Amino acid sequence: MTMRIQEFEARTASEAVLRAYHEFSNQMYAEAWPEDQAAPIENTLGWLLNAPPMLDVKRWLAWQGDQVIAAAELETWRAEDNQHLGFFEVNVLPACRRQGLGSQLLGLVAQEARLRNRVKLQAWVDGDSASGQAWLAKLGGKLGLETHTNQLNLAGVDRAMLRRWVERAEERAQGFVLETLVGPFLETSLEEMAQLFNVMNDAPRGDLDMEDEKTTPEHIREWDESMSRRSQERWHMHIRHVATGELAGYTETVWNPYRPDLLHQWGTGVWPKYRNLGLGRWLKAAMLEKVLRERPQVKRVRTGNADSNGPMLKINYELGFKPYKAWKTWQIEVEQVEQALNTQPELALA
């Protein structure tokens, strides 16, 4: 059966195209996360149709008949920083691999990246995919950062330890208060939150060619609206230094009703001047206590950590998080992609 590749614009796509993409997405998700339940089409449409405006995403689909068999996307950010970068994904159904689809799609990604004046591409690749790693290496890519998704099964959490961590931090860090926010941020707090989120620039980046990301109030506004339209709910906690009014650190979790048993732990960070006071443990323990009290449907918590992030891994492992899935972030020059695809015929079967 003839294969064809077409651009995919979700906002103008027919219902049949959207459903075909949804089926493909669920197949790819099931391969990566076999423990999770399949999400309904409402979840897929929420992600496709409600991305924050700061993200500029272009997608391509490979079809065989009325079935999507492969897909690719390029994402760039409308921001002042990292204007040299594009972030891409290429996914192919297992039965359709080694037929050149990945390389064809990557060629389109590189072409679009050049149109956007992006000179380097980065991709987050499943650590179990030896073929994916070999493909990027053959293209000339370089491994930039190794990470893991770490998972906590809440049934095994030591609740007494959580309480000890909170009480110990409250004693050790007198003069600080814990504040909790559920849902979108107040307009009056956006500037303060934007400054706080910049603490995540201290997270390990390995050898990745990335600049510090500068969060703005507009970015937060866009993400809040996006999460609301995607039916995601964020719980945010931060610790404030009472004497100065400064925010010392924060943590966040995000819950999706379409996978109600799963909670995602997003960023946790403490500014250097406030470290070694137990604030990180206080934040993580207080959040888990709230989850255990108020989200009984949640059974598992997942978070992503660089393998080199020793301080955060120490806290997570003590909480009971365990390595669940490895990831490797690769980077490659757009020029290298173009040159490899033009000069290495064997990539036509990659």
C-alpha atoms as a PDB file:
ATOM      1  CA  MET A   1       0.000   0.000   0.000  1.00  0.00           C
ATOM      2  CA  THR A   2       1.308   3.456  -0.911  1.00  0.00           C
ATOM      3  CA  MET A   3       2.741   5.569   1.906  1.00  0.00           C
ATOM      4  CA  ARG A   4       2.317   9.364   1.938  1.00  0.00           C
ATOM      5  CA  ILE A   5       3.569  12.128   4.252  1.00  0.00           C
ATOM      6  CA  GLN A   6       1.452  15.213   4.927  1.00  0.00           C
ATOM      7  CA  GLU A   7       1.588  18.214   7.212  1.00  0.00           C
ATOM      8  CA  PHE A   8      -0.791  17.967  10.125  1.00  0.00           C
ATOM      9  CA  GLU A   9      -2.611  21.052  11.408  1.00  0.00           C
ATOM     10  CA  ALA A  10      -4.924  19.920  14.179  1.00  0.00           C
ATOM     11  CA  ARG A  11      -7.149  23.008  14.136  1.00  0.00           C
ATOM     12  CA  THR A  12      -8.218  22.416  10.547  1.00  0.00           C
ATOM     13  CA  ALA A  13      -8.052  18.612  10.449  1.00  0.00           C
ATOM     14  CA  SER A  14     -11.124  16.464   9.902  1.00  0.00           C
ATOM     15  CA  GLU A  15     -12.542  14.281  12.652  1.00  0.00           C
ATOM     16  CA  ALA A  16     -11.252  11.190  10.826  1.00  0.00           C
ATOM     17  CA  VAL A  17      -7.690  12.579  10.750  1.00  0.00           C
ATOM     18  CA  LEU A  18      -7.839  13.526  14.427  1.00  0.00           C
ATOM     19  CA  ARG A  19      -9.066  10.073  15.382  1.00  0.00           C
ATOM     20  CA  ALA A  20      -6.332   8.407  13.317  1.00  0.00           C
ATOM     21  CA  TYR A  21      -3.703  10.535  15.046  1.00  0.00           C
ATOM     22  CA  HIS A  22      -5.229   9.711  18.432  1.00  0.00           C
ATOM     23  CA  GLU A  23      -4.984   5.983  17.726  1.00  0.00           C
ATOM     24  CA  PHE A  24      -1.361   6.376  16.664  1.00  0.00           C
ATOM     25  CA  SER A  25      -0.543   8.431  19.782  1.00  0.00           C
ATOM     26  CA  ASN A  26      -2.056   5.814  22.063  1.00  0.00           C
ATOM     27  CA  GLN A  27      -0.053   3.057  20.354  1.00  0.00           C
ATOM     28  CA  MET A  28       3.203   4.952  20.801  1.00  0.00           C
ATOM     29  CA  TYR A  29       2.338   5.847  24.399  1.00  0.00           C
ATOM     30  CA  ALA A  30       1.538   2.217  25.226  1.00  0.00           C
ATOM     31  CA  GLU A  31       4.946   1.142  23.941  1.00  0.00           C
ATOM     32  CA  ALA A  32       6.722   3.637  26.206  1.00  0.00           C
ATOM     33  CA  TRP A  33       4.403   3.378  29.234  1.00  0.00           C
ATOM     34  CA  PRO A  34       2.765  -0.088  29.203  1.00  0.00           C
ATOM     35  CA  GLU A  35       1.606   0.231  32.815  1.00  0.00           C
ATOM     36  CA  ASP A  36      -0.657   3.216  32.053  1.00  0.00           C
ATOM     37  CA  GLN A  37      -4.236   3.166  30.873  1.00  0.00           C
ATOM     38  CA  ALA A  38      -5.061   4.491  27.412  1.00  0.00           C
ATOM     39  CA  ALA A  39      -6.358   8.045  27.354  1.00  0.00           C
ATOM     40  CA  PRO A  40      -9.576   9.028  25.570  1.00  0.00           C
ATOM     41  CA  ILE A  41      -9.538  11.227  22.494  1.00  0.00           C
ATOM     42  CA  GLU A  42     -10.468  14.237  24.649  1.00  0.00           C
ATOM     43  CA  ASN A  43      -7.012  14.072  26.200  1.00  0.00           C
ATOM     44  CA  THR A  44      -5.284  13.996  22.805  1.00  0.00           C
ATOM     45  CA  LEU A  45      -7.395  16.879  21.497  1.00  0.00           C
ATOM     46  CA  GLY A  46      -6.697  18.872  24.631  1.00  0.00           C
ATOM     47  CA  TRP A  47      -2.958  18.608  24.022  1.00  0.00           C
ATOM     48  CA  LEU A  48      -3.208  19.308  20.297  1.00  0.00           C
ATOM     49  CA  LEU A  49      -5.556  22.273  20.431  1.00  0.00           C
ATOM     50  CA  ASN A  50      -4.494  24.059  23.604  1.00  0.00           C
ATOM     51  CA  ALA A  51      -0.732  24.504  23.516  1.00  0.00           C
ATOM     52  CA  PRO A  52       0.417  27.830  24.973  1.00  0.00           C
ATOM     53  CA  PRO A  53       1.064  30.449  22.261  1.00  0.00           C
ATOM     54  CA  MET A  54       4.744  30.655  23.202  1.00  0.00           C
ATOM     55  CA  LEU A  55       5.185  27.186  21.648  1.00  0.00           C
ATOM     56  CA  ASP A  56       5.326  27.083  17.849  1.00  0.00           C
ATOM     57  CA  VAL A  57       4.769  23.455  16.826  1.00  0.00           C
ATOM     58  CA  LYS A  58       4.680  21.967  13.334  1.00  0.00           C
ATOM     59  CA  ARG A  59       3.740  18.324  12.736  1.00  0.00           C
ATOM     60  CA  TRP A  60       3.891  15.811   9.907  1.00  0.00           C
ATOM     61  CA  LEU A  61       2.098  12.474   9.607  1.00  0.00           C
ATOM     62  CA  ALA A  62       3.017   9.441   7.507  1.00  0.00           C
ATOM     63  CA  TRP A  63      -0.022   7.513   6.296  1.00  0.00           C
ATOM     64  CA  GLN A  64      -0.616   4.044   4.960  1.00  0.00           C
ATOM     65  CA  GLY A  65      -4.182   3.969   3.782  1.00  0.00           C
ATOM     66  CA  ASP A  66      -6.258   5.546   6.556  1.00  0.00           C
ATOM     67  CA  GLN A  67      -3.758   4.640   9.299  1.00  0.00           C
ATOM     68  CA  VAL A  68      -1.083   6.940  10.721  1.00  0.00           C
ATOM     69  CA  ILE A  69       2.121   4.913  10.867  1.00  0.00           C
ATOM     70  CA  ALA A  70       4.654   7.616  11.793  1.00  0.00           C
ATOM     71  CA  ALA A  71       4.766  11.208  12.964  1.00  0.00           C
ATOM     72  CA  ALA A  72       7.248  13.991  13.563  1.00  0.00           C
ATOM     73  CA  GLU A  73       7.136  17.413  15.114  1.00  0.00           C
ATOM     74  CA  LEU A  74       9.347  20.447  15.552  1.00  0.00           C
ATOM     75  CA  GLU A  75       8.813  22.737  18.515  1.00  0.00           C
ATOM     76  CA  THR A  76      10.397  26.145  18.936  1.00  0.00           C
ATOM     77  CA  TRP A  77       9.745  28.724  21.639  1.00  0.00           C
ATOM     78  CA  ARG A  78       8.758  32.339  21.133  1.00  0.00           C
ATOM     79  CA  ALA A  79      11.165  33.599  23.777  1.00  0.00           C
ATOM     80  CA  GLU A  80      14.294  35.724  24.020  1.00  0.00           C
ATOM     81  CA  ASP A  81      16.519  32.818  25.002  1.00  0.00           C
ATOM     82  CA  ASN A  82      17.623  29.702  23.099  1.00  0.00           C
ATOM     83  CA  GLN A  83      16.808  31.140  19.697  1.00  0.00           C
ATOM     84  CA  HIS A  84      19.339  28.731  18.180  1.00  0.00           C
ATOM     85  CA  LEU A  85      17.403  25.634  19.296  1.00  0.00           C
ATOM     86  CA  GLY A  86      14.576  23.475  18.019  1.00  0.00           C
ATOM     87  CA  PHE A  87      13.144  20.438  19.810  1.00  0.00           C
ATOM     88  CA  PHE A  88      11.956  17.494  17.762  1.00  0.00           C
ATOM     89  CA  GLU A  89      10.305  14.084  17.949  1.00  0.00           C
ATOM     90  CA  VAL A  90      10.150  11.324  15.357  1.00  0.00           C
ATOM     91  CA  ASN A  91       7.978   8.283  16.126  1.00  0.00           C
ATOM     92  CA  VAL A  92       7.313   5.239  13.930  1.00  0.00           C
ATOM     93  CA  LEU A  93       5.095   2.237  14.667  1.00  0.00           C
ATOM     94  CA  PRO A  94       7.195  -0.873  15.398  1.00  0.00           C
ATOM     95  CA  ALA A  95       5.957  -2.759  12.332  1.00  0.00           C
ATOM     96  CA  CYS A  96       6.919   0.125  10.039  1.00  0.00           C
ATOM     97  CA  ARG A  97      10.486   0.757  11.215  1.00  0.00           C
ATOM     98  CA  ARG A  98      13.627   0.270   9.117  1.00  0.00           C
ATOM     99  CA  GLN A  99      11.834   1.547   6.015  1.00  0.00           C
ATOM    100  CA  GLY A 100      13.238   5.064   5.884  1.00  0.00           C
ATOM    101  CA  LEU A 101      10.270   6.855   7.452  1.00  0.00           C
ATOM    102  CA  GLY A 102      12.267   8.295  10.318  1.00  0.00           C
ATOM    103  CA  SER A 103      14.881   9.784   8.021  1.00  0.00           C
ATOM    104  CA  GLN A 104      12.269  11.219   5.651  1.00  0.00           C
ATOM    105  CA  LEU A 105      10.461  12.880   8.512  1.00  0.00           C
ATOM    106  CA  LEU A 106      13.672  14.178  10.056  1.00  0.00           C
ATOM    107  CA  GLY A 107      14.536  15.771   6.724  1.00  0.00           C
ATOM    108  CA  LEU A 108      11.306  17.767   6.915  1.00  0.00           C
ATOM    109  CA  VAL A 109      12.087  18.738  10.508  1.00  0.00           C
ATOM    110  CA  ALA A 110      15.539  20.024   9.475  1.00  0.00           C
ATOM    111  CA  GLN A 111      14.075  21.943   6.553  1.00  0.00           C
ATOM    112  CA  GLU A 112      11.564  23.690   8.803  1.00  0.00           C
ATOM    113  CA  ALA A 113      14.232  24.377  11.439  1.00  0.00           C
ATOM    114  CA  ARG A 114      16.339  26.151   8.840  1.00  0.00           C
ATOM    115  CA  LEU A 115      13.352  28.272   7.822  1.00  0.00           C
ATOM    116  CA  ARG A 116      13.052  29.315  11.456  1.00  0.00           C
ATOM    117  CA  ASN A 117      16.791  30.112  11.670  1.00  0.00           C
ATOM    118  CA  ARG A 118      17.401  27.330  14.203  1.00  0.00           C
ATOM    119  CA  VAL A 119      20.838  25.794  13.906  1.00  0.00           C
ATOM    120  CA  LYS A 120      20.692  23.007  16.486  1.00  0.00           C
ATOM    121  CA  LEU A 121      18.128  20.322  17.287  1.00  0.00           C
ATOM    122  CA  GLN A 122      17.535  18.407  20.497  1.00  0.00           C
ATOM    123  CA  ALA A 123      15.543  15.225  21.071  1.00  0.00           C
ATOM    124  CA  TRP A 124      14.541  13.264  24.165  1.00  0.00           C
ATOM    125  CA  VAL A 125      15.025   9.573  23.322  1.00  0.00           C
ATOM    126  CA  ASP A 126      13.863   6.458  25.160  1.00  0.00           C
ATOM    127  CA  GLY A 127      16.881   4.944  26.895  1.00  0.00           C
ATOM    128  CA  ASP A 128      15.697   1.445  25.921  1.00  0.00           C
ATOM    129  CA  SER A 129      15.739   2.296  22.223  1.00  0.00           C
ATOM    130  CA  ALA A 130      19.157   1.112  21.084  1.00  0.00           C
ATOM    131  CA  SER A 131      18.141   1.656  17.468  1.00  0.00           C
ATOM    132  CA  GLY A 132      17.088   5.234  18.172  1.00  0.00           C
ATOM    133  CA  GLN A 133      20.397   5.994  19.878  1.00  0.00           C
ATOM    134  CA  ALA A 134      22.351   4.387  17.011  1.00  0.00           C
ATOM    135  CA  TRP A 135      20.348   6.340  14.434  1.00  0.00           C
ATOM    136  CA  LEU A 136      21.129   9.692  16.038  1.00  0.00           C
ATOM    137  CA  ALA A 137      24.789   8.749  16.456  1.00  0.00           C
ATOM    138  CA  LYS A 138      24.965   7.790  12.771  1.00  0.00           C
ATOM    139  CA  LEU A 139      23.543  11.181  11.884  1.00  0.00           C
ATOM    140  CA  GLY A 140      26.310  12.859  13.868  1.00  0.00           C
ATOM    141  CA  GLY A 141      24.400  13.631  17.035  1.00  0.00           C
ATOM    142  CA  LYS A 142      25.994  13.896  20.466  1.00  0.00           C
ATOM    143  CA  LEU A 143      24.596  12.674  23.752  1.00  0.00           C
ATOM    144  CA  GLY A 144      24.047  15.717  25.962  1.00  0.00           C
ATOM    145  CA  LEU A 145      22.254  14.585  29.112  1.00  0.00           C
ATOM    146  CA  GLU A 146      21.111  11.348  30.741  1.00  0.00           C
ATOM    147  CA  THR A 147      17.990  11.398  32.886  1.00  0.00           C
ATOM    148  CA  HIS A 148      15.434   9.076  34.443  1.00  0.00           C
ATOM    149  CA  THR A 149      11.748   9.146  35.079  1.00  0.00           C
ATOM    150  CA  ASN A 150      11.597   8.100  38.718  1.00  0.00           C
ATOM    151  CA  GLN A 151       8.386   6.676  40.152  1.00  0.00           C
ATOM    152  CA  LEU A 152       6.944   6.543  43.654  1.00  0.00           C
ATOM    153  CA  ASN A 153       4.241   4.026  44.574  1.00  0.00           C
ATOM    154  CA  LEU A 154       2.212   5.836  47.223  1.00  0.00           C
ATOM    155  CA  ALA A 155       1.153   2.616  48.965  1.00  0.00           C
ATOM    156  CA  GLY A 156       4.697   2.250  50.243  1.00  0.00           C
ATOM    157  CA  VAL A 157       5.278   5.806  51.441  1.00  0.00           C
ATOM    158  CA  ASP A 158       6.497   6.202  55.011  1.00  0.00           C
ATOM    159  CA  ARG A 159       3.922   8.697  56.281  1.00  0.00           C
ATOM    160  CA  ALA A 160       5.626   9.050  59.656  1.00  0.00           C
ATOM    161  CA  MET A 161       8.819  10.079  57.880  1.00  0.00           C
ATOM    162  CA  LEU A 162       6.935  12.738  55.902  1.00  0.00           C
ATOM    163  CA  ARG A 163       5.616  14.195  59.137  1.00  0.00           C
ATOM    164  CA  ARG A 164       9.115  14.150  60.681  1.00  0.00           C
ATOM    165  CA  TRP A 165      10.534  15.990  57.669  1.00  0.00           C
ATOM    166  CA  VAL A 166       7.896  18.716  57.918  1.00  0.00           C
ATOM    167  CA  GLU A 167       8.291  19.143  61.672  1.00  0.00           C
ATOM    168  CA  ARG A 168      12.080  19.107  61.518  1.00  0.00           C
ATOM    169  CA  ALA A 169      12.108  21.748  58.777  1.00  0.00           C
ATOM    170  CA  GLU A 170       9.682  23.975  60.663  1.00  0.00           C
ATOM    171  CA  GLU A 171      12.004  23.839  63.670  1.00  0.00           C
ATOM    172  CA  ARG A 172      15.232  24.245  61.700  1.00  0.00           C
ATOM    173  CA  ALA A 173      13.986  26.949  59.340  1.00  0.00           C
ATOM    174  CA  GLN A 174      12.169  29.264  61.699  1.00  0.00           C
ATOM    175  CA  GLY A 175      11.222  32.509  60.020  1.00  0.00           C
ATOM    176  CA  PHE A 176       9.911  30.740  56.932  1.00  0.00           C
ATOM    177  CA  VAL A 177       6.302  29.931  56.037  1.00  0.00           C
ATOM    178  CA  LEU A 178       4.829  27.428  53.576  1.00  0.00           C
ATOM    179  CA  GLU A 179       2.165  28.752  51.193  1.00  0.00           C
ATOM    180  CA  THR A 180      -0.071  26.665  48.914  1.00  0.00           C
ATOM    181  CA  LEU A 181      -1.778  27.656  45.668  1.00  0.00           C
ATOM    182  CA  VAL A 182      -4.193  25.500  43.661  1.00  0.00           C
ATOM    183  CA  GLY A 183      -4.903  26.266  40.035  1.00  0.00           C
ATOM    184  CA  PRO A 184      -3.999  29.430  38.092  1.00  0.00           C
ATOM    185  CA  PHE A 185      -1.850  32.082  39.715  1.00  0.00           C
ATOM    186  CA  LEU A 186      -3.301  35.445  40.670  1.00  0.00           C
ATOM    187  CA  GLU A 187      -2.391  38.224  38.268  1.00  0.00           C
ATOM    188  CA  THR A 188      -0.762  40.136  41.128  1.00  0.00           C
ATOM    189  CA  SER A 189       1.647  37.245  41.782  1.00  0.00           C
ATOM    190  CA  LEU A 190       2.905  36.637  38.228  1.00  0.00           C
ATOM    191  CA  GLU A 191       6.047  38.752  38.456  1.00  0.00           C
ATOM    192  CA  GLU A 192       7.056  37.102  41.728  1.00  0.00           C
ATOM    193  CA  MET A 193       6.365  33.623  40.348  1.00  0.00           C
ATOM    194  CA  ALA A 194       8.340  34.338  37.179  1.00  0.00           C
ATOM    195  CA  GLN A 195      11.378  35.210  39.257  1.00  0.00           C
ATOM    196  CA  LEU A 196      10.930  32.106  41.408  1.00  0.00           C
ATOM    197  CA  PHE A 197      10.729  29.705  38.441  1.00  0.00           C
ATOM    198  CA  ASN A 198      14.117  30.911  37.236  1.00  0.00           C
ATOM    199  CA  VAL A 199      15.665  28.882  40.080  1.00  0.00           C
ATOM    200  CA  MET A 200      15.301  25.862  37.766  1.00  0.00           C
ATOM    201  CA  ASN A 201      18.191  27.196  35.690  1.00  0.00           C
ATOM    202  CA  ASP A 202      20.366  25.632  38.405  1.00  0.00           C
ATOM    203  CA  ALA A 203      19.215  22.134  37.384  1.00  0.00           C
ATOM    204  CA  PRO A 204      21.953  20.083  35.639  1.00  0.00           C
ATOM    205  CA  ARG A 205      22.068  20.441  31.864  1.00  0.00           C
ATOM    206  CA  GLY A 206      25.026  18.166  31.199  1.00  0.00           C
ATOM    207  CA  ASP A 207      26.643  19.002  27.856  1.00  0.00           C
ATOM    208  CA  LEU A 208      23.485  20.433  26.310  1.00  0.00           C
ATOM    209  CA  ASP A 209      23.979  23.684  24.439  1.00  0.00           C
ATOM    210  CA  MET A 210      21.259  25.613  26.246  1.00  0.00           C
ATOM    211  CA  GLU A 211      21.033  29.106  27.660  1.00  0.00           C
ATOM    212  CA  ASP A 212      19.274  29.962  30.896  1.00  0.00           C
ATOM    213  CA  GLU A 213      15.527  30.241  30.345  1.00  0.00           C
ATOM    214  CA  LYS A 214      13.975  33.503  31.496  1.00  0.00           C
ATOM    215  CA  THR A 215      10.401  32.968  32.657  1.00  0.00           C
ATOM    216  CA  THR A 216       8.083  35.943  32.157  1.00  0.00           C
ATOM    217  CA  PRO A 217       4.618  36.742  33.537  1.00  0.00           C
ATOM    218  CA  GLU A 218       3.221  36.250  30.034  1.00  0.00           C
ATOM    219  CA  HIS A 219       4.668  32.730  29.883  1.00  0.00           C
ATOM    220  CA  ILE A 220       2.925  31.858  33.165  1.00  0.00           C
ATOM    221  CA  ARG A 221      -0.341  33.397  31.960  1.00  0.00           C
ATOM    222  CA  GLU A 222      -0.201  31.284  28.798  1.00  0.00           C
ATOM    223  CA  TRP A 223       0.635  28.060  30.647  1.00  0.00           C
ATOM    224  CA  ASP A 224      -2.180  28.624  33.149  1.00  0.00           C
ATOM    225  CA  GLU A 225      -4.729  29.042  30.370  1.00  0.00           C
ATOM    226  CA  SER A 226      -3.313  26.045  28.505  1.00  0.00           C
ATOM    227  CA  MET A 227      -3.477  23.777  31.561  1.00  0.00           C
ATOM    228  CA  SER A 228      -7.029  24.841  32.310  1.00  0.00           C
ATOM    229  CA  ARG A 229      -8.158  24.008  28.774  1.00  0.00           C
ATOM    230  CA  ARG A 230      -6.347  20.674  28.968  1.00  0.00           C
ATOM    231  CA  SER A 231      -8.159  19.844  32.238  1.00  0.00           C
ATOM    232  CA  GLN A 232      -4.875  19.722  34.143  1.00  0.00           C
ATOM    233  CA  GLU A 233      -4.767  20.874  37.746  1.00  0.00           C
ATOM    234  CA  ARG A 234      -1.585  22.220  39.288  1.00  0.00           C
ATOM    235  CA  TRP A 235      -0.815  22.262  42.980  1.00  0.00           C
ATOM    236  CA  HIS A 236       1.944  24.714  43.860  1.00  0.00           C
ATOM    237  CA  MET A 237       3.746  25.172  47.167  1.00  0.00           C
ATOM    238  CA  HIS A 238       6.428  27.690  47.959  1.00  0.00           C
ATOM    239  CA  ILE A 239       8.328  28.747  51.054  1.00  0.00           C
ATOM    240  CA  ARG A 240       8.594  32.427  51.924  1.00  0.00           C
ATOM    241  CA  HIS A 241      11.255  34.075  54.088  1.00  0.00           C
ATOM    242  CA  VAL A 242       9.070  36.202  56.351  1.00  0.00           C
ATOM    243  CA  ALA A 243      11.632  38.886  57.212  1.00  0.00           C
ATOM    244  CA  THR A 244      12.453  39.756  53.600  1.00  0.00           C
ATOM    245  CA  GLY A 245       9.322  38.531  51.847  1.00  0.00           C
ATOM    246  CA  GLU A 246      11.520  36.593  49.426  1.00  0.00           C
ATOM    247  CA  LEU A 247      10.434  33.262  47.991  1.00  0.00           C
ATOM    248  CA  ALA A 248      13.080  30.687  48.905  1.00  0.00           C
ATOM    249  CA  GLY A 249      11.910  27.705  46.854  1.00  0.00           C
ATOM    250  CA  TYR A 250       8.946  25.856  45.419  1.00  0.00           C
ATOM    251  CA  THR A 251       7.528  22.541  44.243  1.00  0.00           C
ATOM    252  CA  GLU A 252       4.640  21.663  41.909  1.00  0.00           C
ATOM    253  CA  THR A 253       2.515  18.669  40.971  1.00  0.00           C
ATOM    254  CA  VAL A 254       0.106  18.352  38.039  1.00  0.00           C
ATOM    255  CA  TRP A 255      -2.869  15.992  37.837  1.00  0.00           C
ATOM    256  CA  ASN A 256      -4.722  14.899  34.702  1.00  0.00           C
ATOM    257  CA  PRO A 257      -8.257  13.476  35.198  1.00  0.00           C
ATOM    258  CA  TYR A 258      -7.849  11.249  32.132  1.00  0.00           C
ATOM    259  CA  ARG A 259      -5.195   9.247  34.021  1.00  0.00           C
ATOM    260  CA  PRO A 260      -6.470   9.794  37.565  1.00  0.00           C
ATOM    261  CA  ASP A 261      -4.183   7.275  39.270  1.00  0.00           C
ATOM    262  CA  LEU A 262      -1.040   9.075  38.070  1.00  0.00           C
ATOM    263  CA  LEU A 263       0.433  12.335  39.363  1.00  0.00           C
ATOM    264  CA  HIS A 264       3.332  14.209  37.796  1.00  0.00           C
ATOM    265  CA  GLN A 265       5.827  15.938  40.046  1.00  0.00           C
ATOM    266  CA  TRP A 266       7.119  18.984  38.189  1.00  0.00           C
ATOM    267  CA  GLY A 267       9.924  21.275  39.259  1.00  0.00           C
ATOM    268  CA  THR A 268      11.333  21.541  42.756  1.00  0.00           C
ATOM    269  CA  GLY A 269      13.981  24.150  43.424  1.00  0.00           C
ATOM    270  CA  VAL A 270      15.503  26.173  46.273  1.00  0.00           C
ATOM    271  CA  TRP A 271      17.660  29.243  45.773  1.00  0.00           C
ATOM    272  CA  PRO A 272      21.326  28.658  46.787  1.00  0.00           C
ATOM    273  CA  LYS A 273      21.242  31.179  49.655  1.00  0.00           C
ATOM    274  CA  TYR A 274      18.438  29.184  51.301  1.00  0.00           C
ATOM    275  CA  ARG A 275      19.809  25.679  50.848  1.00  0.00           C
ATOM    276  CA  ASN A 276      20.900  23.306  53.642  1.00  0.00           C
ATOM    277  CA  LEU A 277      17.928  24.268  55.817  1.00  0.00           C
ATOM    278  CA  GLY A 278      15.763  21.295  54.916  1.00  0.00           C
ATOM    279  CA  LEU A 279      13.477  23.373  52.692  1.00  0.00           C
ATOM    280  CA  GLY A 280      13.550  20.880  49.815  1.00  0.00           C
ATOM    281  CA  ARG A 281      12.466  18.059  52.118  1.00  0.00           C
ATOM    282  CA  TRP A 282       9.808  20.301  53.651  1.00  0.00           C
ATOM    283  CA  LEU A 283       8.339  21.088  50.232  1.00  0.00           C
ATOM    284  CA  LYS A 284       8.360  17.517  48.964  1.00  0.00           C
ATOM    285  CA  ALA A 285       6.979  16.044  52.188  1.00  0.00           C
ATOM    286  CA  ALA A 286       4.239  18.652  52.565  1.00  0.00           C
ATOM    287  CA  MET A 287       3.118  18.119  48.979  1.00  0.00           C
ATOM    288  CA  LEU A 288       2.960  14.341  49.389  1.00  0.00           C
ATOM    289  CA  GLU A 289       0.976  14.707  52.609  1.00  0.00           C
ATOM    290  CA  LYS A 290      -1.543  16.861  50.739  1.00  0.00           C
ATOM    291  CA  VAL A 291      -1.749  14.337  47.901  1.00  0.00           C
ATOM    292  CA  LEU A 292      -2.314  11.457  50.323  1.00  0.00           C
ATOM    293  CA  ARG A 293      -5.070  13.414  52.096  1.00  0.00           C
ATOM    294  CA  GLU A 294      -6.873  14.915  49.132  1.00  0.00           C
ATOM    295  CA  ARG A 295      -6.187  12.748  46.062  1.00  0.00           C
ATOM    296  CA  PRO A 296      -6.906   9.162  47.160  1.00  0.00           C
ATOM    297  CA  GLN A 297      -7.246   8.080  43.511  1.00  0.00           C
ATOM    298  CA  VAL A 298      -3.538   8.754  42.906  1.00  0.00           C
ATOM    299  CA  LYS A 299      -1.445   5.593  43.197  1.00  0.00           C
ATOM    300  CA  ARG A 300       1.812   6.630  41.531  1.00  0.00           C
ATOM    301  CA  VAL A 301       3.887   9.799  41.314  1.00  0.00           C
ATOM    302  CA  ARG A 302       6.418  10.346  38.518  1.00  0.00           C
ATOM    303  CA  THR A 303       9.176  12.891  38.267  1.00  0.00           C
ATOM    304  CA  GLY A 304      12.119  13.495  35.959  1.00  0.00           C
ATOM    305  CA  ASN A 305      15.664  13.988  37.223  1.00  0.00           C
ATOM    306  CA  ALA A 306      19.059  14.315  35.629  1.00  0.00           C
ATOM    307  CA  ASP A 307      21.200  11.358  36.669  1.00  0.00           C
ATOM    308  CA  SER A 308      23.796  13.897  37.833  1.00  0.00           C
ATOM    309  CA  ASN A 309      21.397  15.738  40.155  1.00  0.00           C
ATOM    310  CA  GLY A 310      22.684  14.175  43.363  1.00  0.00           C
ATOM    311  CA  PRO A 311      20.959  16.430  45.939  1.00  0.00           C
ATOM    312  CA  MET A 312      17.462  15.995  44.465  1.00  0.00           C
ATOM    313  CA  LEU A 313      17.956  12.284  43.838  1.00  0.00           C
ATOM    314  CA  LYS A 314      18.956  11.816  47.484  1.00  0.00           C
ATOM    315  CA  ILE A 315      15.655  13.335  48.622  1.00  0.00           C
ATOM    316  CA  ASN A 316      13.616  11.406  46.071  1.00  0.00           C
ATOM    317  CA  TYR A 317      15.238   8.069  46.854  1.00  0.00           C
ATOM    318  CA  GLU A 318      14.672   8.590  50.574  1.00  0.00           C
ATOM    319  CA  LEU A 319      10.994   9.233  49.805  1.00  0.00           C
ATOM    320  CA  GLY A 320      10.857   5.925  47.962  1.00  0.00           C
ATOM    321  CA  PHE A 321      11.141   6.989  44.324  1.00  0.00           C
ATOM    322  CA  LYS A 322      12.816   4.366  42.144  1.00  0.00           C
ATOM    323  CA  PRO A 323      14.259   4.591  38.616  1.00  0.00           C
ATOM    324  CA  TYR A 324      11.448   3.703  36.245  1.00  0.00           C
ATOM    325  CA  LYS A 325      12.530   4.690  32.746  1.00  0.00           C
ATOM    326  CA  ALA A 326      15.797   6.010  31.295  1.00  0.00           C
ATOM    327  CA  TRP A 327      15.970   8.884  28.820  1.00  0.00           C
ATOM    328  CA  LYS A 328      18.822  10.353  26.820  1.00  0.00           C
ATOM    329  CA  THR A 329      18.800  13.856  25.375  1.00  0.00           C
ATOM    330  CA  TRP A 330      20.650  14.166  22.076  1.00  0.00           C
ATOM    331  CA  GLN A 331      21.650  17.267  20.176  1.00  0.00           C
ATOM    332  CA  ILE A 332      22.681  17.693  16.574  1.00  0.00           C
ATOM    333  CA  GLU A 333      23.424  20.546  14.203  1.00  0.00           C
ATOM    334  CA  VAL A 334      20.804  21.109  11.499  1.00  0.00           C
ATOM    335  CA  GLU A 335      23.647  21.201   8.981  1.00  0.00           C
ATOM    336  CA  GLN A 336      24.829  17.777  10.181  1.00  0.00           C
ATOM    337  CA  VAL A 337      21.352  16.325   9.642  1.00  0.00           C
ATOM    338  CA  GLU A 338      21.155  17.673   6.123  1.00  0.00           C
ATOM    339  CA  GLN A 339      24.637  16.496   5.235  1.00  0.00           C
ATOM    340  CA  ALA A 340      24.118  13.004   6.668  1.00  0.00           C
ATOM    341  CA  LEU A 341      20.804  12.485   4.891  1.00  0.00           C
ATOM    342  CA  ASN A 342      22.390  13.571   1.602  1.00  0.00           C
ATOM    343  CA  THR A 343      25.592  11.540   1.848  1.00  0.00           C
ATOM    344  CA  GLN A 344      24.691   8.341   3.721  1.00  0.00           C
ATOM    345  CA  PRO A 345      22.391   6.156   1.580  1.00  0.00           C
ATOM    346  CA  GLU A 346      22.025   3.633   4.392  1.00  0.00           C
ATOM    347  CA  LEU A 347      20.012   6.197   6.342  1.00  0.00           C
ATOM    348  CA  ALA A 348      17.224   5.711   3.831  1.00  0.00           C
ATOM    349  CA  LEU A 349      16.504   2.505   5.774  1.00  0.00           C
ATOM    350  CA  ALA A 350      16.628   4.114   9.226  1.00  0.00           C
END
